[in-house]
């Protein structure tokens, strides 16, 4: 739940062909996701690494063939932000 006055940033970017999603709140990293290895978000840092797990499931990031499609991060951004 977002409180009044909180600053949020949700971003998706690609590094060397790997797509990442980061969620920031008030200048602190909340969760960082490597969409090619979504089960490893707890190892990427952030204060609440499991915050977006339900949204990740809804867009199919944990599916066995999830590594075969592009723009997984953008699908997640859309699921979180609407």
C-alpha atoms as a PDB file:
ATOM      1  CA  UNK A   1       0.000   0.000   0.000  1.00  0.00           C
ATOM      2  CA  UNK A   2       1.344   3.372  -0.954  1.00  0.00           C
ATOM      3  CA  UNK A   3       1.198   6.008   1.719  1.00  0.00           C
ATOM      4  CA  UNK A   4       0.593   9.694   1.151  1.00  0.00           C
ATOM      5  CA  UNK A   5       3.770  11.445   0.059  1.00  0.00           C
ATOM      6  CA  UNK A   6       5.739   8.323  -0.848  1.00  0.00           C
ATOM      7  CA  UNK A   7       7.891   8.582  -3.951  1.00  0.00           C
ATOM      8  CA  UNK A   8       7.785   5.455  -6.103  1.00  0.00           C
ATOM      9  CA  UNK A   9       9.790   4.443  -9.144  1.00  0.00           C
ATOM     10  CA  UNK A  10       9.242   1.308 -11.176  1.00  0.00           C
ATOM     11  CA  UNK A  11      11.634   0.734 -14.049  1.00  0.00           C
ATOM     12  CA  UNK A  12      12.502  -1.847 -16.643  1.00  0.00           C
ATOM     13  CA  UNK A  13      15.864  -1.930 -18.407  1.00  0.00           C
ATOM     14  CA  UNK A  14      18.027  -4.285 -20.438  1.00  0.00           C
ATOM     15  CA  UNK A  15      21.708  -5.057 -19.901  1.00  0.00           C
ATOM     16  CA  UNK A  16      23.485  -7.384 -22.332  1.00  0.00           C
ATOM     17  CA  UNK A  17      20.136  -8.744 -23.535  1.00  0.00           C
ATOM     18  CA  UNK A  18      18.823  -9.490 -20.025  1.00  0.00           C
ATOM     19  CA  UNK A  19      15.770  -7.601 -18.839  1.00  0.00           C
ATOM     20  CA  UNK A  20      15.575  -6.285 -15.271  1.00  0.00           C
ATOM     21  CA  UNK A  21      12.791  -4.691 -13.232  1.00  0.00           C
ATOM     22  CA  UNK A  22      13.401  -2.550 -10.160  1.00  0.00           C
ATOM     23  CA  UNK A  23      10.917  -1.080  -7.710  1.00  0.00           C
ATOM     24  CA  UNK A  24      12.073   1.857  -5.579  1.00  0.00           C
ATOM     25  CA  UNK A  25      10.295   3.602  -2.701  1.00  0.00           C
ATOM     26  CA  UNK A  26      11.527   6.889  -1.222  1.00  0.00           C
ATOM     27  CA  UNK A  27      14.971   6.368  -2.746  1.00  0.00           C
ATOM     28  CA  UNK A  28      15.417   2.824  -1.393  1.00  0.00           C
ATOM     29  CA  UNK A  29      15.504  -0.285  -3.576  1.00  0.00           C
ATOM     30  CA  UNK A  30      12.512  -2.448  -2.618  1.00  0.00           C
ATOM     31  CA  UNK A  31      12.924  -5.315  -5.101  1.00  0.00           C
ATOM     32  CA  UNK A  32      15.188  -6.086  -8.067  1.00  0.00           C
ATOM     33  CA  UNK A  33      14.243  -8.771 -10.569  1.00  0.00           C
ATOM     34  CA  UNK A  34      16.260 -10.421 -13.323  1.00  0.00           C
ATOM     35  CA  UNK A  35      13.404 -11.621 -15.552  1.00  0.00           C
ATOM     36  CA  UNK A  36      15.533 -14.490 -16.887  1.00  0.00           C
ATOM     37  CA  UNK A  37      15.901 -15.810 -13.311  1.00  0.00           C
ATOM     38  CA  UNK A  38      12.820 -14.515 -11.427  1.00  0.00           C
ATOM     39  CA  UNK A  39      13.212 -17.017  -8.587  1.00  0.00           C
ATOM     40  CA  UNK A  40      16.465 -15.269  -7.609  1.00  0.00           C
ATOM     41  CA  UNK A  41      15.038 -11.826  -6.748  1.00  0.00           C
ATOM     42  CA  UNK A  42      15.901 -12.306  -3.055  1.00  0.00           C
ATOM     43  CA  UNK A  43      19.574 -12.523  -4.043  1.00  0.00           C
ATOM     44  CA  UNK A  44      19.526  -9.243  -5.992  1.00  0.00           C
ATOM     45  CA  UNK A  45      18.941  -6.956  -3.033  1.00  0.00           C
ATOM     46  CA  UNK A  46      16.087  -4.816  -1.885  1.00  0.00           C
ATOM     47  CA  UNK A  47      14.202  -4.360   1.353  1.00  0.00           C
ATOM     48  CA  UNK A  48      11.180  -6.478   0.320  1.00  0.00           C
ATOM     49  CA  UNK A  49      12.377  -9.007  -2.292  1.00  0.00           C
ATOM     50  CA  UNK A  50       9.072 -10.920  -2.321  1.00  0.00           C
ATOM     51  CA  UNK A  51       6.819  -7.871  -2.749  1.00  0.00           C
ATOM     52  CA  UNK A  52       5.929  -8.535  -6.398  1.00  0.00           C
ATOM     53  CA  UNK A  53       5.813 -12.348  -6.361  1.00  0.00           C
ATOM     54  CA  UNK A  54       2.046 -12.516  -6.898  1.00  0.00           C
ATOM     55  CA  UNK A  55       2.217 -10.122  -9.851  1.00  0.00           C
ATOM     56  CA  UNK A  56       5.175 -12.100 -11.228  1.00  0.00           C
ATOM     57  CA  UNK A  57       3.077 -15.274 -11.082  1.00  0.00           C
ATOM     58  CA  UNK A  58       0.135 -13.600 -12.824  1.00  0.00           C
ATOM     59  CA  UNK A  59       2.262 -12.598 -15.824  1.00  0.00           C
ATOM     60  CA  UNK A  60       3.860 -16.055 -16.031  1.00  0.00           C
ATOM     61  CA  UNK A  61       7.407 -15.278 -14.912  1.00  0.00           C
ATOM     62  CA  UNK A  62       7.631 -18.579 -13.061  1.00  0.00           C
ATOM     63  CA  UNK A  63       6.328 -20.677 -15.973  1.00  0.00           C
ATOM     64  CA  UNK A  64       8.645 -23.314 -17.374  1.00  0.00           C
ATOM     65  CA  UNK A  65       8.792 -21.575 -20.748  1.00  0.00           C
ATOM     66  CA  UNK A  66       8.989 -18.025 -19.393  1.00  0.00           C
ATOM     67  CA  UNK A  67      12.551 -17.669 -20.688  1.00  0.00           C
ATOM     68  CA  UNK A  68      11.331 -17.966 -24.282  1.00  0.00           C
ATOM     69  CA  UNK A  69       9.419 -14.704 -24.592  1.00  0.00           C
ATOM     70  CA  UNK A  70      10.526 -11.102 -24.714  1.00  0.00           C
ATOM     71  CA  UNK A  71       9.554  -8.076 -22.649  1.00  0.00           C
ATOM     72  CA  UNK A  72       8.652 -10.007 -19.518  1.00  0.00           C
ATOM     73  CA  UNK A  73       9.639  -6.937 -17.532  1.00  0.00           C
ATOM     74  CA  UNK A  74       7.221  -4.725 -19.432  1.00  0.00           C
ATOM     75  CA  UNK A  75       4.424  -7.226 -18.786  1.00  0.00           C
ATOM     76  CA  UNK A  76       5.287  -7.062 -15.085  1.00  0.00           C
ATOM     77  CA  UNK A  77       5.337  -3.245 -15.127  1.00  0.00           C
ATOM     78  CA  UNK A  78       1.890  -3.236 -16.694  1.00  0.00           C
ATOM     79  CA  UNK A  79       0.594  -5.714 -14.094  1.00  0.00           C
ATOM     80  CA  UNK A  80       1.933  -3.630 -11.195  1.00  0.00           C
ATOM     81  CA  UNK A  81       1.138  -0.148 -12.484  1.00  0.00           C
ATOM     82  CA  UNK A  82      -1.954  -0.865 -14.568  1.00  0.00           C
END
